[in-house]
Amino acid sequence: DGWVAIELTDTGRGIPPGEVDRIFDPFYTTRPGGAGLGLAITRK
């Protein structure tokens, strides 16, 4: 199978190493008022 990659790069503050493996977990967020479901839905 041929594959295509979409790379999205930002210039933000980055993600701490200890949190990279958890960012796709449901309801996990470090932003006040965030639901923590956006990245989980994206991976789904």
All heavy atoms as atom14 arrays in JSON, in Angstrom:
{
  "sequence": "DGWVAIELTDTGRGIPPGEVDRIFDPFYTTRPGGAGLGLAITRK",
  "atom14_mask": [
    [1, 1, 1, 1, 1, 1, 1, 1, 0, 0, 0, 0, 0, 0],
    [1, 1, 1, 1, 0, 0, 0, 0, 0, 0, 0, 0, 0, 0],
    [1, 1, 1, 1, 1, 1, 1, 1, 1, 1, 1, 1, 1, 1],
    [1, 1, 1, 1, 1, 1, 1, 0, 0, 0, 0, 0, 0, 0],
    [1, 1, 1, 1, 1, 0, 0, 0, 0, 0, 0, 0, 0, 0],
    [1, 1, 1, 1, 1, 1, 1, 1, 0, 0, 0, 0, 0, 0],
    [1, 1, 1, 1, 1, 1, 1, 1, 1, 0, 0, 0, 0, 0],
    [1, 1, 1, 1, 1, 1, 1, 1, 0, 0, 0, 0, 0, 0],
    [1, 1, 1, 1, 1, 1, 1, 0, 0, 0, 0, 0, 0, 0],
    [1, 1, 1, 1, 1, 1, 1, 1, 0, 0, 0, 0, 0, 0],
    [1, 1, 1, 1, 1, 1, 1, 0, 0, 0, 0, 0, 0, 0],
    [1, 1, 1, 1, 0, 0, 0, 0, 0, 0, 0, 0, 0, 0],
    [1, 1, 1, 1, 1, 1, 1, 1, 1, 1, 1, 0, 0, 0],
    [1, 1, 1, 1, 0, 0, 0, 0, 0, 0, 0, 0, 0, 0],
    [1, 1, 1, 1, 1, 1, 1, 1, 0, 0, 0, 0, 0, 0],
    [1, 1, 1, 1, 1, 1, 1, 0, 0, 0, 0, 0, 0, 0],
    [1, 1, 1, 1, 1, 1, 1, 0, 0, 0, 0, 0, 0, 0],
    [1, 1, 1, 1, 0, 0, 0, 0, 0, 0, 0, 0, 0, 0],
    [1, 1, 1, 1, 1, 1, 1, 1, 1, 0, 0, 0, 0, 0],
    [1, 1, 1, 1, 1, 1, 1, 0, 0, 0, 0, 0, 0, 0],
    [1, 1, 1, 1, 1, 1, 1, 1, 0, 0, 0, 0, 0, 0],
    [1, 1, 1, 1, 1, 1, 1, 1, 1, 1, 1, 0, 0, 0],
    [1, 1, 1, 1, 1, 1, 1, 1, 0, 0, 0, 0, 0, 0],
    [1, 1, 1, 1, 1, 1, 1, 1, 1, 1, 1, 0, 0, 0],
    [1, 1, 1, 1, 1, 1, 1, 1, 0, 0, 0, 0, 0, 0],
    [1, 1, 1, 1, 1, 1, 1, 0, 0, 0, 0, 0, 0, 0],
    [1, 1, 1, 1, 1, 1, 1, 1, 1, 1, 1, 0, 0, 0],
    [1, 1, 1, 1, 1, 1, 1, 1, 1, 1, 1, 1, 0, 0],
    [1, 1, 1, 1, 1, 1, 1, 0, 0, 0, 0, 0, 0, 0],
    [1, 1, 1, 1, 1, 1, 1, 0, 0, 0, 0, 0, 0, 0],
    [1, 1, 1, 1, 1, 1, 1, 1, 1, 1, 1, 0, 0, 0],
    [1, 1, 1, 1, 1, 1, 1, 0, 0, 0, 0, 0, 0, 0],
    [1, 1, 1, 1, 0, 0, 0, 0, 0, 0, 0, 0, 0, 0],
    [1, 1, 1, 1, 0, 0, 0, 0, 0, 0, 0, 0, 0, 0],
    [1, 1, 1, 1, 1, 0, 0, 0, 0, 0, 0, 0, 0, 0],
    [1, 1, 1, 1, 0, 0, 0, 0, 0, 0, 0, 0, 0, 0],
    [1, 1, 1, 1, 1, 1, 1, 1, 0, 0, 0, 0, 0, 0],
    [1, 1, 1, 1, 0, 0, 0, 0, 0, 0, 0, 0, 0, 0],
    [1, 1, 1, 1, 1, 1, 1, 1, 0, 0, 0, 0, 0, 0],
    [1, 1, 1, 1, 1, 0, 0, 0, 0, 0, 0, 0, 0, 0],
    [1, 1, 1, 1, 1, 1, 1, 1, 0, 0, 0, 0, 0, 0],
    [1, 1, 1, 1, 1, 1, 1, 0, 0, 0, 0, 0, 0, 0],
    [1, 1, 1, 1, 1, 1, 1, 1, 1, 1, 1, 0, 0, 0],
    [1, 1, 1, 1, 1, 1, 1, 1, 1, 0, 0, 0, 0, 0]
  ],
  "atom14_positions": [
    [[0.84, -1.2, 0.0], [0.0, 0.0, 0.0], [0.88, 1.25, 0.0], [1.89, 1.31, 0.71], [-0.92, 0.03, 1.23], [-1.9, -1.13, 1.22], [-2.38, -1.49, 0.14], [-2.17, -1.68, 2.31], [0.0, 0.0, 0.0], [0.0, 0.0, 0.0], [0.0, 0.0, 0.0], [0.0, 0.0, 0.0], [0.0, 0.0, 0.0], [0.0, 0.0, 0.0]],
    [[0.45, 2.27, -0.81], [1.12, 3.55, -0.77], [0.54, 4.4, 0.36], [-0.66, 4.35, 0.66], [0.0, 0.0, 0.0], [0.0, 0.0, 0.0], [0.0, 0.0, 0.0], [0.0, 0.0, 0.0], [0.0, 0.0, 0.0], [0.0, 0.0, 0.0], [0.0, 0.0, 0.0], [0.0, 0.0, 0.0], [0.0, 0.0, 0.0], [0.0, 0.0, 0.0]],
    [[1.4, 5.19, 1.0], [0.97, 5.99, 2.14], [1.27, 7.47, 1.88], [2.22, 7.82, 1.18], [1.67, 5.55, 3.43], [1.22, 4.2, 3.9], [1.62, 3.0, 3.42], [0.28, 3.93, 4.93], [0.99, 1.97, 4.08], [0.16, 2.52, 5.03], [-0.47, 4.71, 5.8], [-0.68, 1.9, 5.93], [-1.3, 4.1, 6.72], [-1.41, 2.71, 6.77]],
    [[0.42, 8.32, 2.48], [0.59, 9.77, 2.39], [0.64, 10.31, 3.82], [-0.14, 9.89, 4.69], [-0.56, 10.42, 1.61], [-0.43, 11.93, 1.63], [-0.59, 9.91, 0.18], [0.0, 0.0, 0.0], [0.0, 0.0, 0.0], [0.0, 0.0, 0.0], [0.0, 0.0, 0.0], [0.0, 0.0, 0.0], [0.0, 0.0, 0.0], [0.0, 0.0, 0.0]],
    [[1.55, 11.25, 4.05], [1.72, 11.83, 5.39], [1.29, 13.29, 5.39], [1.62, 14.04, 4.47], [3.16, 11.7, 5.84], [0.0, 0.0, 0.0], [0.0, 0.0, 0.0], [0.0, 0.0, 0.0], [0.0, 0.0, 0.0], [0.0, 0.0, 0.0], [0.0, 0.0, 0.0], [0.0, 0.0, 0.0], [0.0, 0.0, 0.0], [0.0, 0.0, 0.0]],
    [[0.51, 13.66, 6.42], [0.19, 15.07, 6.68], [0.9, 15.45, 7.97], [0.61, 14.87, 9.03], [-1.33, 15.29, 6.84], [-2.1, 14.67, 5.69], [-1.63, 16.78, 6.97], [-3.59, 14.66, 5.92], [0.0, 0.0, 0.0], [0.0, 0.0, 0.0], [0.0, 0.0, 0.0], [0.0, 0.0, 0.0], [0.0, 0.0, 0.0], [0.0, 0.0, 0.0]],
    [[1.82, 16.38, 7.9], [2.56, 16.81, 9.08], [2.13, 18.23, 9.46], [2.23, 19.15, 8.65], [4.07, 16.77, 8.81], [4.6, 15.35, 8.59], [6.1, 15.34, 8.38], [6.69, 16.44, 8.31], [6.68, 14.24, 8.26], [0.0, 0.0, 0.0], [0.0, 0.0, 0.0], [0.0, 0.0, 0.0], [0.0, 0.0, 0.0], [0.0, 0.0, 0.0]],
    [[1.65, 18.35, 10.69], [1.22, 19.64, 11.23], [2.23, 20.04, 12.31], [2.37, 19.34, 13.31], [-0.19, 19.56, 11.8], [-0.82, 20.85, 12.3], [-2.34, 20.79, 12.16], [-0.48, 21.13, 13.77], [0.0, 0.0, 0.0], [0.0, 0.0, 0.0], [0.0, 0.0, 0.0], [0.0, 0.0, 0.0], [0.0, 0.0, 0.0], [0.0, 0.0, 0.0]],
    [[2.92, 21.15, 12.08], [3.96, 21.6, 13.01], [3.59, 22.98, 13.54], [3.23, 23.88, 12.76], [5.33, 21.66, 12.31], [5.63, 20.38, 11.76], [6.42, 22.06, 13.28], [0.0, 0.0, 0.0], [0.0, 0.0, 0.0], [0.0, 0.0, 0.0], [0.0, 0.0, 0.0], [0.0, 0.0, 0.0], [0.0, 0.0, 0.0], [0.0, 0.0, 0.0]],
    [[3.66, 23.15, 14.87], [3.38, 24.46, 15.48], [4.62, 24.96, 16.19], [5.62, 24.25, 16.35], [2.19, 24.36, 16.45], [2.46, 23.43, 17.62], [3.49, 23.59, 18.31], [1.64, 22.5, 17.85], [0.0, 0.0, 0.0], [0.0, 0.0, 0.0], [0.0, 0.0, 0.0], [0.0, 0.0, 0.0], [0.0, 0.0, 0.0], [0.0, 0.0, 0.0]],
    [[4.58, 26.21, 16.6], [5.7, 26.83, 17.32], [5.31, 27.11, 18.76], [5.76, 28.11, 19.36], [6.11, 28.13, 16.62], [4.98, 29.01, 16.54], [6.63, 27.84, 15.22], [0.0, 0.0, 0.0], [0.0, 0.0, 0.0], [0.0, 0.0, 0.0], [0.0, 0.0, 0.0], [0.0, 0.0, 0.0], [0.0, 0.0, 0.0], [0.0, 0.0, 0.0]],
    [[4.46, 26.24, 19.32], [4.0, 26.44, 20.69], [5.02, 26.01, 21.72], [6.21, 25.82, 21.44], [0.0, 0.0, 0.0], [0.0, 0.0, 0.0], [0.0, 0.0, 0.0], [0.0, 0.0, 0.0], [0.0, 0.0, 0.0], [0.0, 0.0, 0.0], [0.0, 0.0, 0.0], [0.0, 0.0, 0.0], [0.0, 0.0, 0.0], [0.0, 0.0, 0.0]],
    [[4.53, 25.82, 22.95], [5.41, 25.53, 24.08], [5.86, 24.07, 24.12], [6.69, 23.69, 24.94], [4.71, 25.89, 25.39], [3.43, 25.12, 25.64], [2.78, 25.54, 26.96], [1.56, 24.79, 27.24], [0.37, 25.1, 26.8], [0.22, 26.18, 26.03], [-0.69, 24.38, 27.11], [0.0, 0.0, 0.0], [0.0, 0.0, 0.0], [0.0, 0.0, 0.0]],
    [[5.29, 23.24, 23.25], [5.67, 21.83, 23.24], [4.97, 21.03, 24.33], [4.19, 21.57, 25.13], [0.0, 0.0, 0.0], [0.0, 0.0, 0.0], [0.0, 0.0, 0.0], [0.0, 0.0, 0.0], [0.0, 0.0, 0.0], [0.0, 0.0, 0.0], [0.0, 0.0, 0.0], [0.0, 0.0, 0.0], [0.0, 0.0, 0.0], [0.0, 0.0, 0.0]],
    [[5.21, 19.76, 24.33], [4.57, 18.85, 25.27], [5.65, 18.25, 26.16], [6.67, 17.75, 25.66], [3.82, 17.72, 24.54], [2.83, 18.3, 23.53], [3.11, 16.8, 25.52], [2.2, 17.25, 22.62], [0.0, 0.0, 0.0], [0.0, 0.0, 0.0], [0.0, 0.0, 0.0], [0.0, 0.0, 0.0], [0.0, 0.0, 0.0], [0.0, 0.0, 0.0]],
    [[5.47, 18.29, 27.48], [6.46, 17.66, 28.37], [6.61, 16.17, 28.05], [5.63, 15.51, 27.67], [5.87, 17.88, 29.77], [4.96, 19.04, 29.62], [4.4, 18.96, 28.23], [0.0, 0.0, 0.0], [0.0, 0.0, 0.0], [0.0, 0.0, 0.0], [0.0, 0.0, 0.0], [0.0, 0.0, 0.0], [0.0, 0.0, 0.0], [0.0, 0.0, 0.0]],
    [[7.84, 15.61, 28.15], [8.06, 14.2, 27.8], [7.14, 13.24, 28.53], [6.71, 12.23, 27.97], [9.53, 13.98, 28.19], [10.15, 15.34, 28.13], [9.08, 16.29, 28.55], [0.0, 0.0, 0.0], [0.0, 0.0, 0.0], [0.0, 0.0, 0.0], [0.0, 0.0, 0.0], [0.0, 0.0, 0.0], [0.0, 0.0, 0.0], [0.0, 0.0, 0.0]],
    [[6.81, 13.52, 29.77], [5.97, 12.62, 30.54], [4.52, 12.61, 30.11], [3.74, 11.76, 30.56], [0.0, 0.0, 0.0], [0.0, 0.0, 0.0], [0.0, 0.0, 0.0], [0.0, 0.0, 0.0], [0.0, 0.0, 0.0], [0.0, 0.0, 0.0], [0.0, 0.0, 0.0], [0.0, 0.0, 0.0], [0.0, 0.0, 0.0], [0.0, 0.0, 0.0]],
    [[4.1, 13.58, 29.28], [2.7, 13.69, 28.89], [2.45, 13.27, 27.45], [1.28, 13.19, 27.02], [2.22, 15.14, 29.08], [2.27, 15.61, 30.54], [1.8, 17.04, 30.7], [1.36, 17.62, 29.68], [1.87, 17.58, 31.82], [0.0, 0.0, 0.0], [0.0, 0.0, 0.0], [0.0, 0.0, 0.0], [0.0, 0.0, 0.0], [0.0, 0.0, 0.0]],
    [[3.53, 13.02, 26.67], [3.35, 12.68, 25.25], [2.51, 11.41, 25.09], [1.63, 11.34, 24.21], [4.72, 12.51, 24.57], [4.57, 11.96, 23.16], [5.46, 13.84, 24.56], [0.0, 0.0, 0.0], [0.0, 0.0, 0.0], [0.0, 0.0, 0.0], [0.0, 0.0, 0.0], [0.0, 0.0, 0.0], [0.0, 0.0, 0.0], [0.0, 0.0, 0.0]],
    [[2.74, 10.41, 25.91], [2.01, 9.14, 25.77], [0.57, 9.23, 26.28], [-0.2, 8.28, 26.09], [2.74, 8.05, 26.55], [4.11, 7.74, 25.96], [4.29, 7.99, 24.75], [4.98, 7.26, 26.71], [0.0, 0.0, 0.0], [0.0, 0.0, 0.0], [0.0, 0.0, 0.0], [0.0, 0.0, 0.0], [0.0, 0.0, 0.0], [0.0, 0.0, 0.0]],
    [[0.18, 10.34, 26.91], [-1.16, 10.44, 27.5], [-2.08, 11.4, 26.77], [-3.28, 11.48, 27.1], [-1.04, 10.88, 28.95], [-0.21, 9.95, 29.83], [-0.17, 10.46, 31.26], [-1.49, 10.57, 31.83], [-1.77, 11.21, 32.99], [-0.8, 11.8, 33.66], [-3.01, 11.25, 33.44], [0.0, 0.0, 0.0], [0.0, 0.0, 0.0], [0.0, 0.0, 0.0]],
    [[-1.56, 12.13, 25.79], [-2.37, 13.19, 25.19], [-3.57, 12.65, 24.42], [-4.54, 13.38, 24.19], [-1.51, 14.08, 24.26], [-0.89, 13.24, 23.15], [-0.44, 14.81, 25.06], [-0.15, 14.07, 22.13], [0.0, 0.0, 0.0], [0.0, 0.0, 0.0], [0.0, 0.0, 0.0], [0.0, 0.0, 0.0], [0.0, 0.0, 0.0], [0.0, 0.0, 0.0]],
    [[-3.51, 11.36, 23.99], [-4.65, 10.79, 23.26], [-5.63, 10.07, 24.18], [-6.6, 9.48, 23.7], [-4.14, 9.81, 22.19], [-3.37, 10.48, 21.09], [-1.99, 10.35, 21.01], [-4.01, 11.27, 20.15], [-1.27, 10.96, 20.0], [-3.3, 11.9, 19.13], [-1.92, 11.74, 19.06], [0.0, 0.0, 0.0], [0.0, 0.0, 0.0], [0.0, 0.0, 0.0]],
    [[-5.38, 10.09, 25.5], [-6.32, 9.45, 26.43], [-7.57, 10.32, 26.58], [-7.49, 11.56, 26.61], [-5.67, 9.28, 27.81], [-4.55, 8.25, 27.78], [-4.46, 7.49, 26.79], [-3.76, 8.21, 28.75], [0.0, 0.0, 0.0], [0.0, 0.0, 0.0], [0.0, 0.0, 0.0], [0.0, 0.0, 0.0], [0.0, 0.0, 0.0], [0.0, 0.0, 0.0]],
    [[-8.74, 9.67, 26.67], [-9.99, 10.45, 26.83], [-9.97, 11.27, 28.12], [-9.51, 10.79, 29.16], [-11.08, 9.37, 26.86], [-10.46, 8.18, 26.21], [-9.0, 8.23, 26.53], [0.0, 0.0, 0.0], [0.0, 0.0, 0.0], [0.0, 0.0, 0.0], [0.0, 0.0, 0.0], [0.0, 0.0, 0.0], [0.0, 0.0, 0.0], [0.0, 0.0, 0.0]],
    [[-10.46, 12.51, 28.04], [-10.61, 13.43, 29.16], [-9.27, 13.87, 29.76], [-9.24, 14.43, 30.85], [-11.49, 12.82, 30.28], [-12.88, 12.53, 29.84], [-13.3, 11.21, 29.66], [-13.78, 13.55, 29.57], [-14.58, 10.91, 29.24], [-15.07, 13.25, 29.15], [-15.47, 11.94, 28.98], [0.0, 0.0, 0.0], [0.0, 0.0, 0.0], [0.0, 0.0, 0.0]],
    [[-8.16, 13.6, 29.06], [-6.87, 14.11, 29.56], [-6.6, 15.44, 28.89], [-6.56, 15.55, 27.66], [-5.74, 13.13, 29.25], [-4.4, 13.65, 29.73], [-4.03, 13.55, 31.05], [-3.53, 14.28, 28.84], [-2.82, 14.05, 31.5], [-2.31, 14.78, 29.27], [-1.96, 14.65, 30.61], [-0.76, 15.15, 31.05], [0.0, 0.0, 0.0], [0.0, 0.0, 0.0]],
    [[-6.43, 16.5, 29.7], [-6.17, 17.84, 29.17], [-5.36, 18.62, 30.18], [-5.44, 18.38, 31.39], [-7.48, 18.58, 28.86], [-7.17, 19.86, 28.3], [-8.32, 18.76, 30.12], [0.0, 0.0, 0.0], [0.0, 0.0, 0.0], [0.0, 0.0, 0.0], [0.0, 0.0, 0.0], [0.0, 0.0, 0.0], [0.0, 0.0, 0.0], [0.0, 0.0, 0.0]],
    [[-4.55, 19.53, 29.66], [-3.79, 20.45, 30.54], [-4.29, 21.88, 30.37], [-3.74, 22.79, 30.98], [-2.29, 20.4, 30.18], [-2.11, 20.72, 28.8], [-1.71, 19.01, 30.47], [0.0, 0.0, 0.0], [0.0, 0.0, 0.0], [0.0, 0.0, 0.0], [0.0, 0.0, 0.0], [0.0, 0.0, 0.0], [0.0, 0.0, 0.0], [0.0, 0.0, 0.0]],
    [[-5.32, 22.06, 29.55], [-5.86, 23.4, 29.29], [-7.08, 23.63, 30.18], [-8.0, 22.8, 30.21], [-6.26, 23.52, 27.81], [-6.78, 24.92, 27.43], [-7.0, 25.0, 25.93], [-7.96, 24.01, 25.49], [-9.3, 24.2, 25.51], [-9.79, 25.35, 25.97], [-10.09, 23.26, 25.08], [0.0, 0.0, 0.0], [0.0, 0.0, 0.0], [0.0, 0.0, 0.0]],
    [[-7.1, 24.72, 30.92], [-8.28, 25.0, 31.78], [-9.54, 25.1, 30.94], [-9.57, 25.78, 29.91], [-7.93, 26.35, 32.44], [-6.43, 26.44, 32.36], [-6.04, 25.74, 31.1], [0.0, 0.0, 0.0], [0.0, 0.0, 0.0], [0.0, 0.0, 0.0], [0.0, 0.0, 0.0], [0.0, 0.0, 0.0], [0.0, 0.0, 0.0], [0.0, 0.0, 0.0]],
    [[-10.57, 24.4, 31.35], [-11.84, 24.42, 30.65], [-11.91, 23.45, 29.49], [-12.96, 23.35, 28.83], [0.0, 0.0, 0.0], [0.0, 0.0, 0.0], [0.0, 0.0, 0.0], [0.0, 0.0, 0.0], [0.0, 0.0, 0.0], [0.0, 0.0, 0.0], [0.0, 0.0, 0.0], [0.0, 0.0, 0.0], [0.0, 0.0, 0.0], [0.0, 0.0, 0.0]],
    [[-10.83, 22.73, 29.19], [-10.84, 21.78, 28.09], [-11.5, 20.48, 28.48], [-11.44, 20.05, 29.64], [0.0, 0.0, 0.0], [0.0, 0.0, 0.0], [0.0, 0.0, 0.0], [0.0, 0.0, 0.0], [0.0, 0.0, 0.0], [0.0, 0.0, 0.0], [0.0, 0.0, 0.0], [0.0, 0.0, 0.0], [0.0, 0.0, 0.0], [0.0, 0.0, 0.0]],
    [[-12.15, 19.82, 27.51], [-12.84, 18.56, 27.79], [-11.89, 17.37, 27.68], [-12.16, 16.29, 28.22], [-14.01, 18.36, 26.84], [0.0, 0.0, 0.0], [0.0, 0.0, 0.0], [0.0, 0.0, 0.0], [0.0, 0.0, 0.0], [0.0, 0.0, 0.0], [0.0, 0.0, 0.0], [0.0, 0.0, 0.0], [0.0, 0.0, 0.0], [0.0, 0.0, 0.0]],
    [[-10.8, 17.51, 26.94], [-9.84, 16.4, 26.81], [-10.3, 15.31, 25.87], [-9.85, 14.15, 26.01], [0.0, 0.0, 0.0], [0.0, 0.0, 0.0], [0.0, 0.0, 0.0], [0.0, 0.0, 0.0], [0.0, 0.0, 0.0], [0.0, 0.0, 0.0], [0.0, 0.0, 0.0], [0.0, 0.0, 0.0], [0.0, 0.0, 0.0], [0.0, 0.0, 0.0]],
    [[-11.18, 15.65, 24.92], [-11.67, 14.63, 23.99], [-11.27, 14.9, 22.54], [-11.46, 14.04, 21.69], [-13.21, 14.54, 24.08], [-13.77, 13.87, 25.33], [-15.29, 14.03, 25.37], [-13.4, 12.4, 25.36], [0.0, 0.0, 0.0], [0.0, 0.0, 0.0], [0.0, 0.0, 0.0], [0.0, 0.0, 0.0], [0.0, 0.0, 0.0], [0.0, 0.0, 0.0]],
    [[-10.72, 16.09, 22.26], [-10.41, 16.43, 20.88], [-9.39, 15.49, 20.24], [-9.63, 14.93, 19.16], [0.0, 0.0, 0.0], [0.0, 0.0, 0.0], [0.0, 0.0, 0.0], [0.0, 0.0, 0.0], [0.0, 0.0, 0.0], [0.0, 0.0, 0.0], [0.0, 0.0, 0.0], [0.0, 0.0, 0.0], [0.0, 0.0, 0.0], [0.0, 0.0, 0.0]],
    [[-8.24, 15.27, 20.89], [-7.22, 14.39, 20.33], [-7.65, 12.93, 20.38], [-7.29, 12.14, 19.49], [-5.89, 14.59, 21.08], [-5.19, 15.94, 20.85], [-3.91, 16.01, 21.66], [-4.9, 16.14, 19.37], [0.0, 0.0, 0.0], [0.0, 0.0, 0.0], [0.0, 0.0, 0.0], [0.0, 0.0, 0.0], [0.0, 0.0, 0.0], [0.0, 0.0, 0.0]],
    [[-8.43, 12.56, 21.4], [-8.92, 11.18, 21.48], [-9.85, 10.88, 20.29], [-9.78, 9.8, 19.68], [-9.65, 10.94, 22.8], [0.0, 0.0, 0.0], [0.0, 0.0, 0.0], [0.0, 0.0, 0.0], [0.0, 0.0, 0.0], [0.0, 0.0, 0.0], [0.0, 0.0, 0.0], [0.0, 0.0, 0.0], [0.0, 0.0, 0.0], [0.0, 0.0, 0.0]],
    [[-10.73, 11.86, 19.98], [-11.62, 11.69, 18.83], [-10.82, 11.64, 17.53], [-11.11, 10.85, 16.63], [-12.67, 12.83, 18.8], [-13.62, 12.7, 20.0], [-13.44, 12.81, 17.49], [-14.56, 13.88, 20.15], [0.0, 0.0, 0.0], [0.0, 0.0, 0.0], [0.0, 0.0, 0.0], [0.0, 0.0, 0.0], [0.0, 0.0, 0.0], [0.0, 0.0, 0.0]],
    [[-9.79, 12.48, 17.44], [-8.95, 12.5, 16.23], [-8.29, 11.15, 15.99], [-8.29, 10.62, 14.87], [-7.88, 13.59, 16.36], [-8.52, 14.86, 16.52], [-6.98, 13.61, 15.14], [0.0, 0.0, 0.0], [0.0, 0.0, 0.0], [0.0, 0.0, 0.0], [0.0, 0.0, 0.0], [0.0, 0.0, 0.0], [0.0, 0.0, 0.0], [0.0, 0.0, 0.0]],
    [[-7.7, 10.58, 17.03], [-7.07, 9.27, 16.86], [-8.1, 8.21, 16.51], [-7.84, 7.32, 15.7], [-6.31, 8.85, 18.12], [-5.5, 7.57, 17.91], [-4.62, 7.24, 19.06], [-5.38, 6.83, 20.23], [-4.83, 6.34, 21.35], [-3.52, 6.23, 21.44], [-5.58, 5.99, 22.37], [0.0, 0.0, 0.0], [0.0, 0.0, 0.0], [0.0, 0.0, 0.0]],
    [[-9.31, 8.31, 17.08], [-10.37, 7.35, 16.76], [-10.73, 7.44, 15.28], [-10.9, 6.42, 14.59], [-11.59, 7.63, 17.63], [-12.62, 6.52, 17.65], [-12.14, 5.42, 18.6], [-13.24, 4.4, 18.82], [-12.8, 3.32, 19.71], [0.0, 0.0, 0.0], [0.0, 0.0, 0.0], [0.0, 0.0, 0.0], [0.0, 0.0, 0.0], [0.0, 0.0, 0.0]]
  ]
}
